[in-house]
Amino acid sequence: MPIDINIKGRPARIIVPKERIGDLTKKHFRGRDCACAGNFCHPDFTHPYKVIQHFLPELMETIEDLFLRYGEGTFSETFFDLDEVYGWSATIPVDPELRAQTEPFMLNAHAIAWRFRYNSDVLAPLTNEVTLVFSIREQKNKLIILVHTMYPGADVGELDGDVTDRENVHFFDWDHPGEMLPE
């Protein structure tokens, strides 16, 4: 269910590829009762396209600005609302006192980071931020916005090298328990 929009009078389409919807659903859309790192808990966020709809006005402004400044490319943007809780972040700022509760792990073939052990007493924090990673391409006078990923929490930058060292964040596994939701 792509979303058709106009950017400065130019037709555009926001697409989440079907295979990405499956991956995103398994990691980030596990239901409000699953209080785990990286999971959305906002009652309206039941599907990736619902998240896009929620931030559509801000996303359209961001796409317009990025395309005018840089043209085609891959970008990430973090949206937030101080009055909302969107989910549980999969990262927190490094606290040297908690380093003993972490272990190194491979984020992918090119990136390493430090994450909290599952038996750690540190809980994944609730967050009012949502990060979207997307690319903008021009195709036959139409902008195609391809959403690669989205998750609750702040952008962690490129997944290359030592991400904990570069971004000053510790990670949580997707199954790591999170804080309780407010009443």
C-alpha atoms as a PDB file:
ATOM      1  CA  MET A   1       0.000   0.000   0.000  1.00  0.00           C
ATOM      2  CA  PRO A   2       2.407   2.685  -1.240  1.00  0.00           C
ATOM      3  CA  ILE A   3       1.657   6.280  -0.308  1.00  0.00           C
ATOM      4  CA  ASP A   4       1.362   8.753  -3.190  1.00  0.00           C
ATOM      5  CA  ILE A   5       2.272  12.365  -2.367  1.00  0.00           C
ATOM      6  CA  ASN A   6       3.398  15.546  -4.095  1.00  0.00           C
ATOM      7  CA  ILE A   7       6.701  17.259  -3.375  1.00  0.00           C
ATOM      8  CA  LYS A   8       6.664  20.825  -4.742  1.00  0.00           C
ATOM      9  CA  GLY A   9       4.169  19.806  -7.427  1.00  0.00           C
ATOM     10  CA  ARG A  10       6.176  16.718  -8.388  1.00  0.00           C
ATOM     11  CA  PRO A  11       4.553  13.300  -7.943  1.00  0.00           C
ATOM     12  CA  ALA A  12       6.255  11.054  -5.414  1.00  0.00           C
ATOM     13  CA  ARG A  13       5.623   7.609  -4.004  1.00  0.00           C
ATOM     14  CA  ILE A  14       6.705   6.233  -0.632  1.00  0.00           C
ATOM     15  CA  ILE A  15       7.273   2.483  -0.732  1.00  0.00           C
ATOM     16  CA  VAL A  16       8.173  -0.096   1.916  1.00  0.00           C
ATOM     17  CA  PRO A  17       9.238  -3.221   0.002  1.00  0.00           C
ATOM     18  CA  LYS A  18       7.232  -6.348   0.900  1.00  0.00           C
ATOM     19  CA  GLU A  19      10.308  -8.214   2.139  1.00  0.00           C
ATOM     20  CA  ARG A  20      11.176  -5.288   4.437  1.00  0.00           C
ATOM     21  CA  ILE A  21       7.630  -5.262   5.859  1.00  0.00           C
ATOM     22  CA  GLY A  22       8.142  -8.863   6.988  1.00  0.00           C
ATOM     23  CA  ASP A  23      11.513  -8.115   8.599  1.00  0.00           C
ATOM     24  CA  LEU A  24      10.247  -4.932  10.257  1.00  0.00           C
ATOM     25  CA  THR A  25       7.170  -6.707  11.608  1.00  0.00           C
ATOM     26  CA  LYS A  26       9.286  -9.424  13.267  1.00  0.00           C
ATOM     27  CA  LYS A  27      11.626  -6.928  14.935  1.00  0.00           C
ATOM     28  CA  HIS A  28       9.677  -3.745  15.583  1.00  0.00           C
ATOM     29  CA  PHE A  29       5.929  -4.473  15.411  1.00  0.00           C
ATOM     30  CA  ARG A  30       5.565  -7.276  17.975  1.00  0.00           C
ATOM     31  CA  GLY A  31       2.596  -5.750  19.783  1.00  0.00           C
ATOM     32  CA  ARG A  32       2.230  -3.273  22.603  1.00  0.00           C
ATOM     33  CA  ASP A  33       2.496  -6.012  25.238  1.00  0.00           C
ATOM     34  CA  CYS A  34       5.996  -7.017  24.101  1.00  0.00           C
ATOM     35  CA  ALA A  35       8.118  -4.667  26.231  1.00  0.00           C
ATOM     36  CA  CYS A  36      11.412  -5.289  24.426  1.00  0.00           C
ATOM     37  CA  ALA A  37      14.171  -3.193  22.886  1.00  0.00           C
ATOM     38  CA  GLY A  38      13.405  -1.971  19.376  1.00  0.00           C
ATOM     39  CA  ASN A  39       9.668  -2.621  19.590  1.00  0.00           C
ATOM     40  CA  PHE A  40       6.989  -0.029  18.915  1.00  0.00           C
ATOM     41  CA  CYS A  41       4.296   0.422  21.590  1.00  0.00           C
ATOM     42  CA  HIS A  42       2.332   3.396  20.216  1.00  0.00           C
ATOM     43  CA  PRO A  43      -1.286   2.203  19.795  1.00  0.00           C
ATOM     44  CA  ASP A  44      -1.465   3.559  16.220  1.00  0.00           C
ATOM     45  CA  PHE A  45       1.776   1.870  15.115  1.00  0.00           C
ATOM     46  CA  THR A  46       0.516  -1.529  13.995  1.00  0.00           C
ATOM     47  CA  HIS A  47       2.230  -1.565  10.577  1.00  0.00           C
ATOM     48  CA  PRO A  48       5.167   0.261   8.910  1.00  0.00           C
ATOM     49  CA  TYR A  49       2.817   2.360   6.762  1.00  0.00           C
ATOM     50  CA  LYS A  50       1.002   3.557   9.920  1.00  0.00           C
ATOM     51  CA  VAL A  51       4.291   5.012  11.216  1.00  0.00           C
ATOM     52  CA  ILE A  52       4.858   6.789   7.889  1.00  0.00           C
ATOM     53  CA  GLN A  53       1.298   8.190   7.944  1.00  0.00           C
ATOM     54  CA  HIS A  54       1.835   9.475  11.503  1.00  0.00           C
ATOM     55  CA  PHE A  55       4.901  11.501  10.459  1.00  0.00           C
ATOM     56  CA  LEU A  56       3.838  12.227   6.859  1.00  0.00           C
ATOM     57  CA  PRO A  57       3.793  16.069   7.009  1.00  0.00           C
ATOM     58  CA  GLU A  58       7.267  16.187   8.624  1.00  0.00           C
ATOM     59  CA  LEU A  59       8.561  13.462   6.310  1.00  0.00           C
ATOM     60  CA  MET A  60       7.348  15.345   3.218  1.00  0.00           C
ATOM     61  CA  GLU A  61       9.203  18.479   4.362  1.00  0.00           C
ATOM     62  CA  THR A  62      12.322  16.421   5.033  1.00  0.00           C
ATOM     63  CA  ILE A  63      12.194  14.726   1.616  1.00  0.00           C
ATOM     64  CA  GLU A  64      11.746  18.066  -0.131  1.00  0.00           C
ATOM     65  CA  ASP A  65      14.655  19.621   1.766  1.00  0.00           C
ATOM     66  CA  LEU A  66      16.999  16.662   1.254  1.00  0.00           C
ATOM     67  CA  PHE A  67      16.195  16.334  -2.455  1.00  0.00           C
ATOM     68  CA  LEU A  68      16.699  20.060  -3.084  1.00  0.00           C
ATOM     69  CA  ARG A  69      20.013  20.043  -1.196  1.00  0.00           C
ATOM     70  CA  TYR A  70      21.518  16.695  -2.182  1.00  0.00           C
ATOM     71  CA  GLY A  71      19.466  15.143  -4.965  1.00  0.00           C
ATOM     72  CA  GLU A  72      19.273  11.370  -4.956  1.00  0.00           C
ATOM     73  CA  GLY A  73      20.727   9.421  -2.060  1.00  0.00           C
ATOM     74  CA  THR A  74      20.142   7.461   1.124  1.00  0.00           C
ATOM     75  CA  PHE A  75      19.241   9.376   4.261  1.00  0.00           C
ATOM     76  CA  SER A  76      18.060   8.896   7.810  1.00  0.00           C
ATOM     77  CA  GLU A  77      15.868  11.172   9.845  1.00  0.00           C
ATOM     78  CA  THR A  78      14.739  10.998  13.452  1.00  0.00           C
ATOM     79  CA  PHE A  79      11.292  12.331  14.297  1.00  0.00           C
ATOM     80  CA  PHE A  80      10.135  13.011  17.829  1.00  0.00           C
ATOM     81  CA  ASP A  81       7.265  14.289  19.907  1.00  0.00           C
ATOM     82  CA  LEU A  82       7.909  15.124  23.541  1.00  0.00           C
ATOM     83  CA  ASP A  83       4.301  14.239  24.430  1.00  0.00           C
ATOM     84  CA  GLU A  84       4.321  10.727  22.921  1.00  0.00           C
ATOM     85  CA  VAL A  85       5.918   7.390  23.781  1.00  0.00           C
ATOM     86  CA  TYR A  86       6.619   5.429  20.588  1.00  0.00           C
ATOM     87  CA  GLY A  87       8.449   2.354  21.813  1.00  0.00           C
ATOM     88  CA  TRP A  88      11.589   0.992  23.447  1.00  0.00           C
ATOM     89  CA  SER A  89      14.949   2.180  22.198  1.00  0.00           C
ATOM     90  CA  ALA A  90      17.595  -0.402  21.306  1.00  0.00           C
ATOM     91  CA  THR A  91      20.375   1.969  22.441  1.00  0.00           C
ATOM     92  CA  ILE A  92      21.338   4.217  25.332  1.00  0.00           C
ATOM     93  CA  PRO A  93      24.249   6.614  25.768  1.00  0.00           C
ATOM     94  CA  VAL A  94      27.408   4.938  27.060  1.00  0.00           C
ATOM     95  CA  ASP A  95      27.715   4.964  30.839  1.00  0.00           C
ATOM     96  CA  PRO A  96      31.224   3.825  31.870  1.00  0.00           C
ATOM     97  CA  GLU A  97      29.826   2.434  35.124  1.00  0.00           C
ATOM     98  CA  LEU A  98      27.673  -0.029  33.153  1.00  0.00           C
ATOM     99  CA  ARG A  99      30.438  -1.256  30.786  1.00  0.00           C
ATOM    100  CA  ALA A 100      30.932  -4.444  32.859  1.00  0.00           C
ATOM    101  CA  GLN A 101      27.370  -5.495  31.937  1.00  0.00           C
ATOM    102  CA  THR A 102      28.084  -5.341  28.197  1.00  0.00           C
ATOM    103  CA  GLU A 103      29.688  -7.647  25.655  1.00  0.00           C
ATOM    104  CA  PRO A 104      30.941  -7.117  22.092  1.00  0.00           C
ATOM    105  CA  PHE A 105      28.810  -8.331  19.184  1.00  0.00           C
ATOM    106  CA  MET A 106      28.717  -8.021  15.409  1.00  0.00           C
ATOM    107  CA  LEU A 107      25.946  -5.737  14.124  1.00  0.00           C
ATOM    108  CA  ASN A 108      26.727  -6.973  10.621  1.00  0.00           C
ATOM    109  CA  ALA A 109      29.775  -8.112   8.635  1.00  0.00           C
ATOM    110  CA  HIS A 110      31.295  -4.607   8.834  1.00  0.00           C
ATOM    111  CA  ALA A 111      30.279  -3.302  12.255  1.00  0.00           C
ATOM    112  CA  ILE A 112      30.935  -4.145  15.882  1.00  0.00           C
ATOM    113  CA  ALA A 113      29.270  -2.680  18.965  1.00  0.00           C
ATOM    114  CA  TRP A 114      28.761  -3.371  22.655  1.00  0.00           C
ATOM    115  CA  ARG A 115      25.402  -4.592  23.936  1.00  0.00           C
ATOM    116  CA  PHE A 116      23.987  -5.304  27.355  1.00  0.00           C
ATOM    117  CA  ARG A 117      23.957  -8.947  28.383  1.00  0.00           C
ATOM    118  CA  TYR A 118      20.457 -10.362  28.682  1.00  0.00           C
ATOM    119  CA  ASN A 119      20.880 -10.868  32.446  1.00  0.00           C
ATOM    120  CA  SER A 120      21.814  -7.185  32.900  1.00  0.00           C
ATOM    121  CA  ASP A 121      19.638  -5.154  35.251  1.00  0.00           C
ATOM    122  CA  VAL A 122      19.574  -2.287  32.718  1.00  0.00           C
ATOM    123  CA  LEU A 123      16.225  -2.047  30.923  1.00  0.00           C
ATOM    124  CA  ALA A 124      15.664  -0.739  27.386  1.00  0.00           C
ATOM    125  CA  PRO A 125      14.297   2.794  27.828  1.00  0.00           C
ATOM    126  CA  LEU A 126      11.030   4.115  26.477  1.00  0.00           C
ATOM    127  CA  THR A 127      11.559   6.676  23.736  1.00  0.00           C
ATOM    128  CA  ASN A 128       9.729   9.540  22.042  1.00  0.00           C
ATOM    129  CA  GLU A 129      11.901   9.230  18.914  1.00  0.00           C
ATOM    130  CA  VAL A 130      11.444   7.271  15.693  1.00  0.00           C
ATOM    131  CA  THR A 131      14.159   6.880  13.060  1.00  0.00           C
ATOM    132  CA  LEU A 132      13.405   6.250   9.376  1.00  0.00           C
ATOM    133  CA  VAL A 133      16.122   5.289   6.887  1.00  0.00           C
ATOM    134  CA  PHE A 134      15.130   5.820   3.274  1.00  0.00           C
ATOM    135  CA  SER A 135      16.478   6.537  -0.173  1.00  0.00           C
ATOM    136  CA  ILE A 136      15.248   9.092  -2.679  1.00  0.00           C
ATOM    137  CA  ARG A 137      15.493   8.268  -6.377  1.00  0.00           C
ATOM    138  CA  GLU A 138      14.160  10.029  -9.442  1.00  0.00           C
ATOM    139  CA  GLN A 139      12.391   7.752 -11.898  1.00  0.00           C
ATOM    140  CA  LYS A 140      10.637   9.121 -14.977  1.00  0.00           C
ATOM    141  CA  ASN A 141       9.913  12.540 -13.398  1.00  0.00           C
ATOM    142  CA  LYS A 142       8.612  10.893 -10.241  1.00  0.00           C
ATOM    143  CA  LEU A 143      10.372  10.691  -6.895  1.00  0.00           C
ATOM    144  CA  ILE A 144      10.533   7.223  -5.391  1.00  0.00           C
ATOM    145  CA  ILE A 145      11.114   7.147  -1.639  1.00  0.00           C
ATOM    146  CA  LEU A 146      12.148   3.649  -0.629  1.00  0.00           C
ATOM    147  CA  VAL A 147      11.987   2.989   3.126  1.00  0.00           C
ATOM    148  CA  HIS A 148      14.805   0.664   4.190  1.00  0.00           C
ATOM    149  CA  THR A 149      14.137   0.514   7.922  1.00  0.00           C
ATOM    150  CA  MET A 150      12.453   2.242  10.840  1.00  0.00           C
ATOM    151  CA  TYR A 151      12.779   1.789  14.554  1.00  0.00           C
ATOM    152  CA  PRO A 152      11.959   3.466  17.861  1.00  0.00           C
ATOM    153  CA  GLY A 153      14.893   5.521  19.096  1.00  0.00           C
ATOM    154  CA  ALA A 154      17.617   7.789  17.787  1.00  0.00           C
ATOM    155  CA  ASP A 155      19.639   7.244  14.625  1.00  0.00           C
ATOM    156  CA  VAL A 156      22.872   5.314  15.266  1.00  0.00           C
ATOM    157  CA  GLY A 157      24.583   6.339  12.032  1.00  0.00           C
ATOM    158  CA  GLU A 158      26.271   4.030   9.569  1.00  0.00           C
ATOM    159  CA  LEU A 159      26.668   0.422  10.616  1.00  0.00           C
ATOM    160  CA  ASP A 160      30.389   0.319   9.922  1.00  0.00           C
ATOM    161  CA  GLY A 161      33.394  -0.003  12.229  1.00  0.00           C
ATOM    162  CA  ASP A 162      33.013   0.335  16.011  1.00  0.00           C
ATOM    163  CA  VAL A 163      29.569   1.910  16.311  1.00  0.00           C
ATOM    164  CA  THR A 164      29.656   2.073  20.122  1.00  0.00           C
ATOM    165  CA  ASP A 165      32.919   4.016  20.025  1.00  0.00           C
ATOM    166  CA  ARG A 166      31.862   6.348  17.187  1.00  0.00           C
ATOM    167  CA  GLU A 167      28.274   7.049  18.327  1.00  0.00           C
ATOM    168  CA  ASN A 168      28.845   6.693  22.091  1.00  0.00           C
ATOM    169  CA  VAL A 169      25.933   4.244  22.533  1.00  0.00           C
ATOM    170  CA  HIS A 170      25.446   0.798  24.028  1.00  0.00           C
ATOM    171  CA  PHE A 171      22.969  -1.549  22.349  1.00  0.00           C
ATOM    172  CA  PHE A 172      20.282  -3.929  23.543  1.00  0.00           C
ATOM    173  CA  ASP A 173      19.359  -7.231  21.889  1.00  0.00           C
ATOM    174  CA  TRP A 174      15.853  -7.263  20.317  1.00  0.00           C
ATOM    175  CA  ASP A 175      14.621  -9.539  23.134  1.00  0.00           C
ATOM    176  CA  HIS A 176      16.082  -7.434  25.938  1.00  0.00           C
ATOM    177  CA  PRO A 177      13.370  -6.377  28.436  1.00  0.00           C
ATOM    178  CA  GLY A 178      12.195  -2.775  28.435  1.00  0.00           C
ATOM    179  CA  GLU A 179      10.868  -0.321  30.971  1.00  0.00           C
ATOM    180  CA  MET A 180       7.233  -0.489  32.035  1.00  0.00           C
ATOM    181  CA  LEU A 181       4.769   1.626  30.074  1.00  0.00           C
ATOM    182  CA  PRO A 182       3.269   4.540  31.984  1.00  0.00           C
ATOM    183  CA  GLU A 183      -0.283   3.991  33.237  1.00  0.00           C
END
